[in-house]
């Protein structure tokens, strides 16, 4: 078993409510662990909460192996990439390395943040102009290039710099329903990335910089490789708003950013409804369970 202390790497002093707000703002998925009920001696009482993300821990359920196991189960839920609500019963005996002798019922609520995710391939002039705009918007961005020296020294908070000698490998690491923007300096790499993304079959949007001639050539090459018409239509090339012209990096960046803003605003019209439903479900479950404990 992993050393117990390792489970507390990334521990933060914020309380669970502050942690939830932080994760909602950053668009990071997280799990709320709540003690729904106790029987006998336990480290913390009913209603105690902690928040767990893929790398961080906030607040506590009392420590010990109970908390260790809760963190493990929370990260298993996060790895599945789906919203979920799971209730677990823990007996605080020898199997958990605790001598409390009581029992705790814990609810794990996996919250999937509806944040616009975007992978940008290429860190050239257009990408650098574009990043300056997108850094001010509620997006989570991975900025990918094989050349470490082309990135600026300062990277915005909502952007993760990824240096990979084989950028196509990063397609495998993208989240579901991701958005992709291909702006590399190499047409062959552009095409390899386009193929890999279409083969994933789960992209929300795929944009490729280029001219009408490049778009036609790419479509022909994809068709020769037995991609269907429906698959080929997933590619948007040329990318950007048609009514914004110009070839200067900032002009191209503004054109592309306008298109991306339209995409994320369309997503936001549905996100509040889903998040509201998740919170109402959680709130009602907590109220109902707490009342049952009081009545008992």
Protein backbone atom coordinates (compact mmCIF):
# COMPACT_ATOMS: atom_id res chain seq x y z
CA UNK A 1 0.00 0.00 0.00
CA UNK A 2 1.18 3.55 -0.72
CA UNK A 3 2.61 5.27 2.34
CA UNK A 4 -0.24 7.03 4.15
CA UNK A 5 1.56 10.37 4.20
CA UNK A 6 1.76 10.40 0.40
CA UNK A 7 -2.01 10.79 0.21
CA UNK A 8 -1.68 14.19 1.85
CA UNK A 9 0.66 15.70 -0.70
CA UNK A 10 -1.03 18.78 -2.07
CA UNK A 11 -2.98 19.45 1.15
CA UNK A 12 -4.38 22.99 1.38
CA UNK A 13 -5.66 24.95 4.36
CA UNK A 14 -8.75 26.37 2.64
CA UNK A 15 -12.03 24.98 3.92
CA UNK A 16 -14.24 22.88 1.69
CA UNK A 17 -16.49 25.80 0.68
CA UNK A 18 -13.52 27.90 -0.44
CA UNK A 19 -12.16 24.91 -2.33
CA UNK A 20 -15.42 24.42 -4.21
CA UNK A 21 -15.45 28.06 -5.27
CA UNK A 22 -11.82 27.82 -6.40
CA UNK A 23 -12.45 24.73 -8.49
CA UNK A 24 -15.61 26.14 -10.07
CA UNK A 25 -13.69 29.28 -11.05
CA UNK A 26 -10.79 27.32 -12.54
CA UNK A 27 -12.97 24.68 -14.15
CA UNK A 28 -11.22 21.81 -12.38
CA UNK A 29 -13.18 18.64 -11.65
CA UNK A 30 -13.41 17.67 -7.97
CA UNK A 31 -15.10 15.40 -5.45
CA UNK A 32 -16.97 16.46 -2.33
CA UNK A 33 -16.70 13.84 0.43
CA UNK A 34 -19.36 14.23 3.12
CA UNK A 35 -19.92 12.21 6.28
CA UNK A 36 -23.61 11.37 6.07
CA UNK A 37 -23.86 9.38 9.26
CA UNK A 38 -21.83 7.84 12.07
CA UNK A 39 -22.21 5.03 14.54
CA UNK A 40 -19.99 4.77 17.60
CA UNK A 41 -16.62 6.51 17.85
CA UNK A 42 -15.45 8.25 14.64
CA UNK A 43 -12.82 10.94 13.84
CA UNK A 44 -15.39 13.50 12.65
CA UNK A 45 -19.13 13.89 12.98
CA UNK A 46 -22.02 13.96 10.55
CA UNK A 47 -21.82 16.78 8.03
CA UNK A 48 -18.00 16.94 7.96
CA UNK A 49 -16.70 17.55 4.45
CA UNK A 50 -13.54 17.60 2.42
CA UNK A 51 -12.80 18.34 -1.23
CA UNK A 52 -10.47 16.23 -3.37
CA UNK A 53 -9.14 16.98 -6.85
CA UNK A 54 -6.67 15.04 -8.97
CA UNK A 55 -3.71 16.70 -7.22
CA UNK A 56 -5.02 18.55 -4.18
CA UNK A 57 -6.84 18.00 -0.88
CA UNK A 58 -8.89 20.54 1.09
CA UNK A 59 -10.28 20.26 4.63
CA UNK A 60 -10.43 16.90 6.41
CA UNK A 61 -12.60 14.01 7.56
CA UNK A 62 -10.31 13.44 10.51
CA UNK A 63 -7.23 11.92 8.89
CA UNK A 64 -6.04 8.35 9.25
CA UNK A 65 -6.69 5.46 6.89
CA UNK A 66 -10.36 6.40 6.54
CA UNK A 67 -9.34 9.63 4.86
CA UNK A 68 -6.70 7.82 2.81
CA UNK A 69 -9.28 5.38 1.42
CA UNK A 70 -11.76 8.20 0.76
CA UNK A 71 -9.12 10.08 -1.24
CA UNK A 72 -8.32 6.94 -3.24
CA UNK A 73 -11.98 6.31 -4.07
CA UNK A 74 -12.51 9.98 -4.95
CA UNK A 75 -9.67 9.88 -7.46
CA UNK A 76 -11.01 6.68 -8.96
CA UNK A 77 -14.24 8.57 -9.65
CA UNK A 78 -12.33 11.52 -11.12
CA UNK A 79 -10.43 9.18 -13.45
CA UNK A 80 -13.72 7.98 -14.95
CA UNK A 81 -14.48 11.53 -16.10
CA UNK A 82 -18.19 11.39 -15.29
CA UNK A 83 -20.46 13.08 -12.77
CA UNK A 84 -21.43 10.57 -10.09
CA UNK A 85 -22.75 10.20 -6.56
CA UNK A 86 -21.57 7.21 -4.52
CA UNK A 87 -22.29 6.30 -0.89
CA UNK A 88 -19.74 4.13 0.95
CA UNK A 89 -19.89 2.48 4.38
CA UNK A 90 -16.61 2.30 6.35
CA UNK A 91 -16.07 0.24 9.50
CA UNK A 92 -13.24 1.85 11.47
CA UNK A 93 -11.60 -1.33 12.62
CA UNK A 94 -8.38 -3.24 12.00
CA UNK A 95 -8.91 -3.41 8.21
CA UNK A 96 -8.57 0.39 8.05
CA UNK A 97 -5.78 0.51 10.59
CA UNK A 98 -7.94 2.50 13.02
CA UNK A 99 -9.05 1.63 16.51
CA UNK A 100 -12.10 3.91 16.78
CA UNK A 101 -14.38 0.93 16.46
CA UNK A 102 -17.20 2.97 14.98
CA UNK A 103 -18.58 3.25 11.47
CA UNK A 104 -19.01 6.13 9.03
CA UNK A 105 -21.17 6.55 5.95
CA UNK A 106 -19.55 8.83 3.40
CA UNK A 107 -21.03 10.27 0.22
CA UNK A 108 -18.66 11.00 -2.66
CA UNK A 109 -20.06 13.55 -5.11
CA UNK A 110 -17.96 13.80 -8.29
CA UNK A 111 -18.50 17.23 -9.84
CA UNK A 112 -17.67 17.75 -13.51
CA UNK A 113 -17.06 21.43 -14.23
CA UNK A 114 -18.58 22.63 -17.47
CA UNK A 115 -15.56 24.63 -18.58
CA UNK A 116 -14.55 25.16 -22.21
CA UNK A 117 -11.38 23.14 -22.90
CA UNK A 118 -9.12 23.90 -25.84
CA UNK A 119 -5.89 22.40 -27.15
CA UNK A 120 -3.82 24.76 -29.30
CA UNK A 121 -1.11 23.12 -31.37
CA UNK A 122 1.66 25.50 -32.39
CA UNK A 123 3.26 28.40 -30.54
CA UNK A 124 4.04 30.74 -33.42
CA UNK A 125 3.08 34.39 -33.92
CA UNK A 126 -0.65 33.80 -34.44
CA UNK A 127 -0.89 31.52 -31.40
CA UNK A 128 0.97 34.00 -29.20
CA UNK A 129 -1.35 36.83 -30.26
CA UNK A 130 -4.35 34.55 -29.68
CA UNK A 131 -3.27 33.42 -26.22
CA UNK A 132 -3.22 37.04 -25.07
CA UNK A 133 -6.93 37.26 -25.89
CA UNK A 134 -8.03 33.84 -24.65
CA UNK A 135 -6.22 34.32 -21.33
CA UNK A 136 -8.97 36.76 -20.39
CA UNK A 137 -11.79 34.26 -21.07
CA UNK A 138 -13.18 31.34 -19.00
CA UNK A 139 -11.31 28.62 -20.88
CA UNK A 140 -8.85 25.88 -19.92
CA UNK A 141 -6.11 25.70 -22.55
CA UNK A 142 -3.28 23.31 -23.29
CA UNK A 143 -0.69 25.01 -25.52
CA UNK A 144 1.38 22.40 -27.31
CA UNK A 145 4.55 22.59 -29.39
CA UNK A 146 7.68 20.52 -29.88
CA UNK A 147 9.92 23.61 -29.55
CA UNK A 148 10.44 24.77 -25.98
CA UNK A 149 12.22 27.97 -27.02
CA UNK A 150 9.28 29.44 -28.96
CA UNK A 151 7.02 29.85 -25.93
CA UNK A 152 6.98 33.23 -24.15
CA UNK A 153 8.48 33.40 -20.67
CA UNK A 154 5.14 34.21 -19.03
CA UNK A 155 2.21 31.82 -19.48
CA UNK A 156 -1.32 32.88 -18.41
CA UNK A 157 -2.91 31.12 -15.45
CA UNK A 158 -5.54 29.34 -17.54
CA UNK A 159 -2.93 27.96 -19.94
CA UNK A 160 -0.74 24.89 -19.51
CA UNK A 161 2.41 24.79 -21.65
CA UNK A 162 3.17 21.34 -23.09
CA UNK A 163 6.47 20.60 -24.84
CA UNK A 164 6.36 17.29 -26.70
CA UNK A 165 8.65 16.15 -29.50
CA UNK A 166 5.70 14.13 -30.82
CA UNK A 167 2.72 16.52 -30.56
CA UNK A 168 0.32 13.92 -31.98
CA UNK A 169 0.79 11.93 -28.75
CA UNK A 170 -0.98 14.73 -26.90
CA UNK A 171 -4.20 13.99 -28.79
CA UNK A 172 -4.49 10.82 -26.69
CA UNK A 173 -4.37 12.90 -23.49
CA UNK A 174 -7.13 15.34 -24.40
CA UNK A 175 -10.42 15.25 -22.45
CA UNK A 176 -13.69 14.15 -23.99
CA UNK A 177 -15.62 16.72 -26.05
CA UNK A 178 -12.49 18.79 -26.34
CA UNK A 179 -11.91 21.65 -28.78
CA UNK A 180 -8.81 21.65 -30.98
CA UNK A 181 -7.05 24.42 -32.87
CA UNK A 182 -4.14 23.54 -35.16
CA UNK A 183 -1.73 26.40 -35.85
CA UNK A 184 1.62 24.68 -36.38
CA UNK A 185 4.44 25.69 -38.72
CA UNK A 186 4.37 22.35 -40.54
CA UNK A 187 1.61 21.28 -42.96
CA UNK A 188 2.46 17.61 -42.60
CA UNK A 189 2.16 17.88 -38.82
CA UNK A 190 -1.15 19.74 -39.27
CA UNK A 191 -2.42 16.83 -41.33
CA UNK A 192 -1.18 14.18 -38.89
CA UNK A 193 -2.90 16.01 -36.02
CA UNK A 194 -6.11 16.37 -38.02
CA UNK A 195 -6.18 12.63 -38.72
CA UNK A 196 -5.54 11.73 -35.08
CA UNK A 197 -8.25 14.05 -33.79
CA UNK A 198 -10.87 12.87 -36.28
CA UNK A 199 -10.07 9.25 -35.43
CA UNK A 200 -10.85 9.97 -31.75
CA UNK A 201 -14.43 10.68 -32.88
CA UNK A 202 -15.29 12.79 -29.82
CA UNK A 203 -14.13 16.33 -30.67
CA UNK A 204 -16.52 19.19 -30.01
CA UNK A 205 -14.73 21.30 -32.61
CA UNK A 206 -11.63 21.04 -34.81
CA UNK A 207 -10.18 24.12 -36.45
CA UNK A 208 -7.17 24.16 -38.79
CA UNK A 209 -5.47 27.34 -39.95
CA UNK A 210 -4.95 27.66 -43.68
CA UNK A 211 -6.28 28.76 -47.05
CA UNK A 212 -9.09 27.38 -49.17
CA UNK A 213 -6.42 25.57 -51.18
CA UNK A 214 -5.04 23.90 -48.05
CA UNK A 215 -8.55 22.92 -46.98
CA UNK A 216 -9.25 21.32 -50.36
CA UNK A 217 -5.94 19.43 -50.30
CA UNK A 218 -6.56 18.14 -46.77
CA UNK A 219 -10.07 16.98 -47.67
CA UNK A 220 -8.75 15.10 -50.68
CA UNK A 221 -6.00 13.43 -48.64
CA UNK A 222 -8.46 12.42 -45.94
CA UNK A 223 -10.82 10.95 -48.53
CA UNK A 224 -7.94 8.95 -50.04
CA UNK A 225 -7.35 7.50 -46.57
CA UNK A 226 -10.95 6.29 -46.42
CA UNK A 227 -12.31 8.95 -44.07
CA UNK A 228 -16.04 9.40 -44.67
CA UNK A 229 -17.63 12.67 -45.77
CA UNK A 230 -19.14 13.04 -42.29
CA UNK A 231 -15.73 12.60 -40.67
CA UNK A 232 -14.09 15.11 -43.02
CA UNK A 233 -16.80 17.66 -42.24
CA UNK A 234 -15.62 17.71 -38.62
CA UNK A 235 -12.66 19.82 -39.79
CA UNK A 236 -13.15 23.59 -39.99
CA UNK A 237 -10.61 24.98 -42.43
CA UNK A 238 -9.95 27.84 -43.02
CA UNK A 239 -10.53 28.76 -39.40
CA UNK A 240 -11.88 32.09 -38.13
CA UNK A 241 -14.76 34.45 -38.86
CA UNK A 242 -15.25 35.00 -42.57
CA UNK A 243 -16.10 38.70 -42.21
CA UNK A 244 -12.79 39.47 -40.47
CA UNK A 245 -9.98 39.55 -43.03
CA UNK A 246 -6.29 40.36 -42.88
CA UNK A 247 -3.07 38.40 -42.54
CA UNK A 248 -1.36 40.12 -39.65
CA UNK A 249 -1.02 37.77 -36.63
CA UNK A 250 -3.33 39.92 -34.50
CA UNK A 251 -5.93 40.15 -37.27
CA UNK A 252 -5.93 36.37 -37.65
CA UNK A 253 -6.00 35.92 -33.87
CA UNK A 254 -9.02 38.21 -33.49
CA UNK A 255 -10.83 36.35 -36.26
CA UNK A 256 -10.19 32.99 -34.59
CA UNK A 257 -11.00 34.27 -31.10
CA UNK A 258 -14.40 35.48 -32.33
CA UNK A 259 -15.18 31.98 -33.55
CA UNK A 260 -14.02 30.42 -30.27
CA UNK A 261 -16.07 32.87 -28.20
CA UNK A 262 -19.16 31.82 -30.15
CA UNK A 263 -18.40 28.17 -29.35
CA UNK A 264 -17.92 28.63 -25.60
CA UNK A 265 -20.96 30.90 -25.27
CA UNK A 266 -23.10 28.23 -26.93
CA UNK A 267 -21.83 25.72 -24.36
CA UNK A 268 -22.53 28.09 -21.45
CA UNK A 269 -26.23 28.32 -22.30
CA UNK A 270 -26.63 24.69 -21.17
CA UNK A 271 -24.02 24.47 -18.41
CA UNK A 272 -25.89 26.43 -15.68
CA UNK A 273 -28.89 24.11 -15.93
CA UNK A 274 -26.74 20.99 -15.48
CA UNK A 275 -24.75 22.50 -12.62
CA UNK A 276 -27.92 23.69 -10.91
CA UNK A 277 -29.35 20.18 -11.08
CA UNK A 278 -26.18 18.71 -9.57
CA UNK A 279 -26.22 21.17 -6.68
CA UNK A 280 -29.93 20.71 -5.98
CA UNK A 281 -29.43 16.93 -5.89
CA UNK A 282 -26.50 17.28 -3.51
CA UNK A 283 -28.27 19.82 -1.27
CA UNK A 284 -31.44 17.75 -1.03
CA UNK A 285 -29.47 14.59 -0.22
CA UNK A 286 -27.52 16.37 2.53
CA UNK A 287 -30.64 17.93 4.05
CA UNK A 288 -32.55 14.66 3.95
CA UNK A 289 -29.72 12.62 5.47
CA UNK A 290 -28.94 15.16 8.18
CA UNK A 291 -32.60 15.29 9.20
CA UNK A 292 -32.70 11.51 9.44
CA UNK A 293 -29.69 11.62 11.79
CA UNK A 294 -31.39 14.24 13.95
CA UNK A 295 -34.64 12.24 14.10
CA UNK A 296 -32.72 9.10 15.05
